[in-house]
Amino acid sequence: MDGELTTVNGWATWPNAVTALRLALIPLYVILVSRTHHWAIAAWLLATLGATDWIDGYLARRLNQTSNVGKILDPVADRLLVISGVITIAAVGAVPWWFAGATLAREILVSAMTLVLAALGAARIDVLWWGKVSTFALMVAYPLFLLTTNAQHVVRSQWQNVIRDIDWGIGLFGLTVAWVVLAGYVPGALEALRRGRAARAVD
């Protein structure tokens, strides 16, 4: 049926190629931040890698391609990108550790909840629209935090201060919505668990 994804048992799909490229470039991003002063390049690279998450999803829908490998690889790449981005940006002082810690704590809870529900046989949970909004906001905020921070503690220019003030609004909005959405997933998770158990009982 049109619009449905066709499961491909092999790994050689275009969405997987994009995801693999994202994974391969994460170490380059980390090196740029931790070993060089090219933080502006690193910020643009991080933003680009974040955008590729939308690209591989678009390709999967457009080409009707999905795979068992992709179902594992894509979320792994997403988590690694978020964790490496948050930790490195906080480590160089571009964002306070309390903000980074709140972001990481939310990611850890989501990952743990996903693993527990899968282990218990819960049905699939649809991603909430506001969850996508919060993720997008944070993936905009973190690269901008890095872009508006100068290596070797050079004083920020006027345009950097203006962007940083705006960025704090984006970041706080994204983080707040992310935690609200996490709480909103709880009723859906319980319902998914009930449906999953009911389906197994019928089988």
C-alpha atoms as a PDB file:
ATOM      1  CA  MET A   1       0.000   0.000   0.000  1.00  0.00           C
ATOM      2  CA  ASP A   2       1.314   3.492  -0.838  1.00  0.00           C
ATOM      3  CA  GLY A   3       2.756   5.358   2.137  1.00  0.00           C
ATOM      4  CA  GLU A   4       3.651   2.228   4.043  1.00  0.00           C
ATOM      5  CA  LEU A   5       7.273   1.339   4.678  1.00  0.00           C
ATOM      6  CA  THR A   6       8.513  -1.885   3.172  1.00  0.00           C
ATOM      7  CA  THR A   7      10.821  -3.771   5.515  1.00  0.00           C
ATOM      8  CA  VAL A   8      14.117  -4.614   3.857  1.00  0.00           C
ATOM      9  CA  ASN A   9      16.074  -7.395   5.515  1.00  0.00           C
ATOM     10  CA  GLY A  10      19.382  -6.181   4.089  1.00  0.00           C
ATOM     11  CA  TRP A  11      21.371  -3.253   5.417  1.00  0.00           C
ATOM     12  CA  ALA A  12      22.213  -1.561   2.089  1.00  0.00           C
ATOM     13  CA  THR A  13      19.612   1.235   2.020  1.00  0.00           C
ATOM     14  CA  TRP A  14      19.971   4.964   1.466  1.00  0.00           C
ATOM     15  CA  PRO A  15      18.645   5.847   4.948  1.00  0.00           C
ATOM     16  CA  ASN A  16      21.248   3.535   6.491  1.00  0.00           C
ATOM     17  CA  ALA A  17      23.965   5.188   4.389  1.00  0.00           C
ATOM     18  CA  VAL A  18      23.003   8.609   5.779  1.00  0.00           C
ATOM     19  CA  THR A  19      22.925   7.236   9.327  1.00  0.00           C
ATOM     20  CA  ALA A  20      26.325   5.584   8.866  1.00  0.00           C
ATOM     21  CA  LEU A  21      27.754   8.879   7.606  1.00  0.00           C
ATOM     22  CA  ARG A  22      26.382  10.629  10.682  1.00  0.00           C
ATOM     23  CA  LEU A  23      28.078   8.072  12.917  1.00  0.00           C
ATOM     24  CA  ALA A  24      31.371   8.375  11.028  1.00  0.00           C
ATOM     25  CA  LEU A  25      31.453  12.177  11.372  1.00  0.00           C
ATOM     26  CA  ILE A  26      30.734  12.324  15.113  1.00  0.00           C
ATOM     27  CA  PRO A  27      34.425  11.665  15.990  1.00  0.00           C
ATOM     28  CA  LEU A  28      35.443  14.499  13.641  1.00  0.00           C
ATOM     29  CA  TYR A  29      33.109  16.852  15.495  1.00  0.00           C
ATOM     30  CA  VAL A  30      34.557  15.778  18.856  1.00  0.00           C
ATOM     31  CA  ILE A  31      38.121  16.338  17.598  1.00  0.00           C
ATOM     32  CA  LEU A  32      37.271  19.809  16.262  1.00  0.00           C
ATOM     33  CA  VAL A  33      35.895  20.858  19.645  1.00  0.00           C
ATOM     34  CA  SER A  34      38.395  19.184  21.949  1.00  0.00           C
ATOM     35  CA  ARG A  35      41.648  19.374  19.960  1.00  0.00           C
ATOM     36  CA  THR A  36      41.326  22.530  17.841  1.00  0.00           C
ATOM     37  CA  HIS A  37      40.005  26.077  18.067  1.00  0.00           C
ATOM     38  CA  HIS A  38      37.743  25.662  15.025  1.00  0.00           C
ATOM     39  CA  TRP A  39      34.605  25.809  17.124  1.00  0.00           C
ATOM     40  CA  ALA A  40      32.576  27.616  14.472  1.00  0.00           C
ATOM     41  CA  ILE A  41      33.219  24.765  12.032  1.00  0.00           C
ATOM     42  CA  ALA A  42      32.339  22.279  14.760  1.00  0.00           C
ATOM     43  CA  ALA A  43      29.086  24.124  15.468  1.00  0.00           C
ATOM     44  CA  TRP A  44      28.028  24.022  11.817  1.00  0.00           C
ATOM     45  CA  LEU A  45      29.006  20.357  11.596  1.00  0.00           C
ATOM     46  CA  LEU A  46      26.925  19.516  14.665  1.00  0.00           C
ATOM     47  CA  ALA A  47      23.940  21.367  13.203  1.00  0.00           C
ATOM     48  CA  THR A  48      24.350  19.516   9.910  1.00  0.00           C
ATOM     49  CA  LEU A  49      24.577  16.143  11.629  1.00  0.00           C
ATOM     50  CA  GLY A  50      21.423  16.949  13.572  1.00  0.00           C
ATOM     51  CA  ALA A  51      19.637  17.761  10.319  1.00  0.00           C
ATOM     52  CA  THR A  52      20.594  14.400   8.820  1.00  0.00           C
ATOM     53  CA  ASP A  53      18.227  12.737  11.277  1.00  0.00           C
ATOM     54  CA  TRP A  54      15.387  14.336   9.318  1.00  0.00           C
ATOM     55  CA  ILE A  55      17.001  13.381   6.000  1.00  0.00           C
ATOM     56  CA  ASP A  56      17.254   9.646   6.687  1.00  0.00           C
ATOM     57  CA  GLY A  57      13.683   9.625   7.971  1.00  0.00           C
ATOM     58  CA  TYR A  58      12.528  11.405   4.817  1.00  0.00           C
ATOM     59  CA  LEU A  59      14.407   8.928   2.613  1.00  0.00           C
ATOM     60  CA  ALA A  60      12.919   5.974   4.473  1.00  0.00           C
ATOM     61  CA  ARG A  61       9.403   7.291   3.823  1.00  0.00           C
ATOM     62  CA  ARG A  62      10.070   8.516   0.291  1.00  0.00           C
ATOM     63  CA  LEU A  63      11.799   5.346  -0.903  1.00  0.00           C
ATOM     64  CA  ASN A  64       9.746   2.964   1.236  1.00  0.00           C
ATOM     65  CA  GLN A  65      12.960   1.610   2.708  1.00  0.00           C
ATOM     66  CA  THR A  66      13.438   0.446   6.240  1.00  0.00           C
ATOM     67  CA  SER A  67      15.504  -2.356   7.710  1.00  0.00           C
ATOM     68  CA  ASN A  68      16.165  -4.194  10.918  1.00  0.00           C
ATOM     69  CA  VAL A  69      19.666  -2.713  10.929  1.00  0.00           C
ATOM     70  CA  GLY A  70      18.276   0.784  10.514  1.00  0.00           C
ATOM     71  CA  LYS A  71      15.854   0.354  13.408  1.00  0.00           C
ATOM     72  CA  ILE A  72      18.857  -0.191  15.672  1.00  0.00           C
ATOM     73  CA  LEU A  73      21.421   2.053  13.988  1.00  0.00           C
ATOM     74  CA  ASP A  74      19.322   5.217  13.754  1.00  0.00           C
ATOM     75  CA  PRO A  75      18.452   5.609  17.460  1.00  0.00           C
ATOM     76  CA  VAL A  76      22.021   4.665  18.413  1.00  0.00           C
ATOM     77  CA  ALA A  77      23.362   7.408  16.142  1.00  0.00           C
ATOM     78  CA  ASP A  78      20.856   9.890  17.573  1.00  0.00           C
ATOM     79  CA  ARG A  79      21.819   9.132  21.170  1.00  0.00           C
ATOM     80  CA  LEU A  80      25.563   9.264  20.430  1.00  0.00           C
ATOM     81  CA  LEU A  81      25.161  12.589  18.636  1.00  0.00           C
ATOM     82  CA  VAL A  82      23.181  14.138  21.482  1.00  0.00           C
ATOM     83  CA  ILE A  83      25.482  12.820  24.218  1.00  0.00           C
ATOM     84  CA  SER A  84      28.706  13.815  22.451  1.00  0.00           C
ATOM     85  CA  GLY A  85      27.306  17.225  21.535  1.00  0.00           C
ATOM     86  CA  VAL A  86      26.018  18.046  25.010  1.00  0.00           C
ATOM     87  CA  ILE A  87      29.108  16.834  26.875  1.00  0.00           C
ATOM     88  CA  THR A  88      31.667  18.519  24.618  1.00  0.00           C
ATOM     89  CA  ILE A  89      29.817  21.822  24.540  1.00  0.00           C
ATOM     90  CA  ALA A  90      29.527  21.843  28.327  1.00  0.00           C
ATOM     91  CA  ALA A  91      33.163  20.747  28.716  1.00  0.00           C
ATOM     92  CA  VAL A  92      34.457  23.801  26.831  1.00  0.00           C
ATOM     93  CA  GLY A  93      32.249  26.120  28.878  1.00  0.00           C
ATOM     94  CA  ALA A  94      29.833  27.021  26.100  1.00  0.00           C
ATOM     95  CA  VAL A  95      26.852  26.034  28.234  1.00  0.00           C
ATOM     96  CA  PRO A  96      26.471  25.548  32.013  1.00  0.00           C
ATOM     97  CA  TRP A  97      26.682  21.999  33.326  1.00  0.00           C
ATOM     98  CA  TRP A  98      23.247  22.276  34.967  1.00  0.00           C
ATOM     99  CA  PHE A  99      21.682  22.820  31.538  1.00  0.00           C
ATOM    100  CA  ALA A 100      23.703  19.991  29.989  1.00  0.00           C
ATOM    101  CA  GLY A 101      22.902  17.706  32.931  1.00  0.00           C
ATOM    102  CA  ALA A 102      19.174  18.341  32.615  1.00  0.00           C
ATOM    103  CA  THR A 103      19.377  17.545  28.904  1.00  0.00           C
ATOM    104  CA  LEU A 104      21.350  14.338  29.462  1.00  0.00           C
ATOM    105  CA  ALA A 105      19.109  13.196  32.316  1.00  0.00           C
ATOM    106  CA  ARG A 106      16.083  13.456  30.052  1.00  0.00           C
ATOM    107  CA  GLU A 107      17.830  11.493  27.295  1.00  0.00           C
ATOM    108  CA  ILE A 108      18.856   8.772  29.758  1.00  0.00           C
ATOM    109  CA  LEU A 109      15.301   8.460  31.094  1.00  0.00           C
ATOM    110  CA  VAL A 110      13.835   8.231  27.592  1.00  0.00           C
ATOM    111  CA  SER A 111      16.363   5.565  26.599  1.00  0.00           C
ATOM    112  CA  ALA A 112      15.767   3.592  29.788  1.00  0.00           C
ATOM    113  CA  MET A 113      11.993   3.778  29.376  1.00  0.00           C
ATOM    114  CA  THR A 114      12.270   2.622  25.766  1.00  0.00           C
ATOM    115  CA  LEU A 115      14.426  -0.374  26.703  1.00  0.00           C
ATOM    116  CA  VAL A 116      12.185  -1.377  29.608  1.00  0.00           C
ATOM    117  CA  LEU A 117       9.012  -1.153  27.526  1.00  0.00           C
ATOM    118  CA  ALA A 118      10.611  -3.178  24.728  1.00  0.00           C
ATOM    119  CA  ALA A 119      11.732  -5.833  27.213  1.00  0.00           C
ATOM    120  CA  LEU A 120       8.209  -6.026  28.638  1.00  0.00           C
ATOM    121  CA  GLY A 121       6.695  -6.429  25.178  1.00  0.00           C
ATOM    122  CA  ALA A 122       4.886  -3.097  24.957  1.00  0.00           C
ATOM    123  CA  ALA A 123       3.303  -2.002  21.701  1.00  0.00           C
ATOM    124  CA  ARG A 124       4.858   0.789  19.655  1.00  0.00           C
ATOM    125  CA  ILE A 125       4.455   4.339  21.019  1.00  0.00           C
ATOM    126  CA  ASP A 126       3.925   7.140  18.518  1.00  0.00           C
ATOM    127  CA  VAL A 127       6.291  10.088  18.838  1.00  0.00           C
ATOM    128  CA  LEU A 128       4.471  13.194  20.070  1.00  0.00           C
ATOM    129  CA  TRP A 129       4.607  16.272  17.868  1.00  0.00           C
ATOM    130  CA  TRP A 130       5.789  18.430  20.752  1.00  0.00           C
ATOM    131  CA  GLY A 131       8.584  15.931  21.333  1.00  0.00           C
ATOM    132  CA  LYS A 132       9.840  16.633  17.830  1.00  0.00           C
ATOM    133  CA  VAL A 133       9.568  20.368  18.497  1.00  0.00           C
ATOM    134  CA  SER A 134      11.643  20.117  21.684  1.00  0.00           C
ATOM    135  CA  THR A 135      14.297  18.008  19.955  1.00  0.00           C
ATOM    136  CA  PHE A 136      14.523  20.483  17.094  1.00  0.00           C
ATOM    137  CA  ALA A 137      14.822  23.413  19.513  1.00  0.00           C
ATOM    138  CA  LEU A 138      17.665  21.758  21.431  1.00  0.00           C
ATOM    139  CA  MET A 139      19.475  20.753  18.231  1.00  0.00           C
ATOM    140  CA  VAL A 140      19.331  24.425  17.221  1.00  0.00           C
ATOM    141  CA  ALA A 141      20.332  25.705  20.657  1.00  0.00           C
ATOM    142  CA  TYR A 142      23.449  23.625  21.294  1.00  0.00           C
ATOM    143  CA  PRO A 143      25.266  24.454  18.027  1.00  0.00           C
ATOM    144  CA  LEU A 144      24.433  28.128  18.592  1.00  0.00           C
ATOM    145  CA  PHE A 145      25.842  27.971  22.126  1.00  0.00           C
ATOM    146  CA  LEU A 146      29.094  26.694  20.641  1.00  0.00           C
ATOM    147  CA  LEU A 147      29.015  29.201  17.780  1.00  0.00           C
ATOM    148  CA  THR A 148      28.701  32.094  20.237  1.00  0.00           C
ATOM    149  CA  THR A 149      31.591  30.893  22.421  1.00  0.00           C
ATOM    150  CA  ASN A 150      35.146  31.742  21.466  1.00  0.00           C
ATOM    151  CA  ALA A 151      38.125  29.488  22.044  1.00  0.00           C
ATOM    152  CA  GLN A 152      40.780  30.650  24.512  1.00  0.00           C
ATOM    153  CA  HIS A 153      38.143  32.741  26.309  1.00  0.00           C
ATOM    154  CA  VAL A 154      38.205  35.553  23.745  1.00  0.00           C
ATOM    155  CA  VAL A 155      35.552  38.172  24.545  1.00  0.00           C
ATOM    156  CA  ARG A 156      32.349  37.651  22.563  1.00  0.00           C
ATOM    157  CA  SER A 157      31.437  40.180  19.894  1.00  0.00           C
ATOM    158  CA  GLN A 158      28.173  42.108  19.934  1.00  0.00           C
ATOM    159  CA  TRP A 159      26.474  39.825  17.397  1.00  0.00           C
ATOM    160  CA  GLN A 160      27.464  36.787  19.457  1.00  0.00           C
ATOM    161  CA  ASN A 161      25.915  38.295  22.591  1.00  0.00           C
ATOM    162  CA  VAL A 162      22.671  39.061  20.752  1.00  0.00           C
ATOM    163  CA  ILE A 163      22.431  35.554  19.276  1.00  0.00           C
ATOM    164  CA  ARG A 164      23.309  33.991  22.614  1.00  0.00           C
ATOM    165  CA  ASP A 165      20.496  35.863  24.379  1.00  0.00           C
ATOM    166  CA  ILE A 166      18.034  34.620  21.757  1.00  0.00           C
ATOM    167  CA  ASP A 167      19.542  31.147  21.973  1.00  0.00           C
ATOM    168  CA  TRP A 168      18.894  30.936  25.697  1.00  0.00           C
ATOM    169  CA  GLY A 169      15.213  31.452  24.979  1.00  0.00           C
ATOM    170  CA  ILE A 170      15.284  28.652  22.388  1.00  0.00           C
ATOM    171  CA  GLY A 171      17.244  26.323  24.665  1.00  0.00           C
ATOM    172  CA  LEU A 172      15.108  26.849  27.768  1.00  0.00           C
ATOM    173  CA  PHE A 173      11.955  26.439  25.705  1.00  0.00           C
ATOM    174  CA  GLY A 174      13.238  23.177  24.200  1.00  0.00           C
ATOM    175  CA  LEU A 175      14.402  21.761  27.519  1.00  0.00           C
ATOM    176  CA  THR A 176      11.158  22.658  29.320  1.00  0.00           C
ATOM    177  CA  VAL A 177       8.993  21.148  26.585  1.00  0.00           C
ATOM    178  CA  ALA A 178      11.212  18.043  26.502  1.00  0.00           C
ATOM    179  CA  TRP A 179      10.546  17.325  30.186  1.00  0.00           C
ATOM    180  CA  VAL A 180       6.817  18.085  29.862  1.00  0.00           C
ATOM    181  CA  VAL A 181       6.616  15.706  26.884  1.00  0.00           C
ATOM    182  CA  LEU A 182       8.457  13.022  28.874  1.00  0.00           C
ATOM    183  CA  ALA A 183       5.758  13.221  31.539  1.00  0.00           C
ATOM    184  CA  GLY A 184       3.155  13.061  28.776  1.00  0.00           C
ATOM    185  CA  TYR A 185       4.607   9.796  27.505  1.00  0.00           C
ATOM    186  CA  VAL A 186       3.845   7.971  30.764  1.00  0.00           C
ATOM    187  CA  PRO A 187       0.095   7.384  30.122  1.00  0.00           C
ATOM    188  CA  GLY A 188       0.871   6.333  26.542  1.00  0.00           C
ATOM    189  CA  ALA A 189       3.600   3.978  27.748  1.00  0.00           C
ATOM    190  CA  LEU A 190       1.225   2.285  30.182  1.00  0.00           C
ATOM    191  CA  GLU A 191      -1.396   1.909  27.448  1.00  0.00           C
ATOM    192  CA  ALA A 192       1.218   0.510  25.041  1.00  0.00           C
ATOM    193  CA  LEU A 193       2.253  -2.000  27.683  1.00  0.00           C
ATOM    194  CA  ARG A 194      -1.364  -3.060  28.169  1.00  0.00           C
ATOM    195  CA  ARG A 195      -1.919  -3.471  24.411  1.00  0.00           C
ATOM    196  CA  GLY A 196       1.308  -5.402  24.012  1.00  0.00           C
ATOM    197  CA  ARG A 197       0.370  -7.848  26.748  1.00  0.00           C
ATOM    198  CA  ALA A 198      -3.140  -8.201  25.348  1.00  0.00           C
ATOM    199  CA  ALA A 199      -1.749  -9.014  21.881  1.00  0.00           C
ATOM    200  CA  ARG A 200       0.559 -11.683  23.324  1.00  0.00           C
ATOM    201  CA  ALA A 201      -2.341 -13.186  25.263  1.00  0.00           C
ATOM    202  CA  VAL A 202      -4.370 -13.522  22.053  1.00  0.00           C
ATOM    203  CA  ASP A 203      -1.448 -15.203  20.251  1.00  0.00           C
END
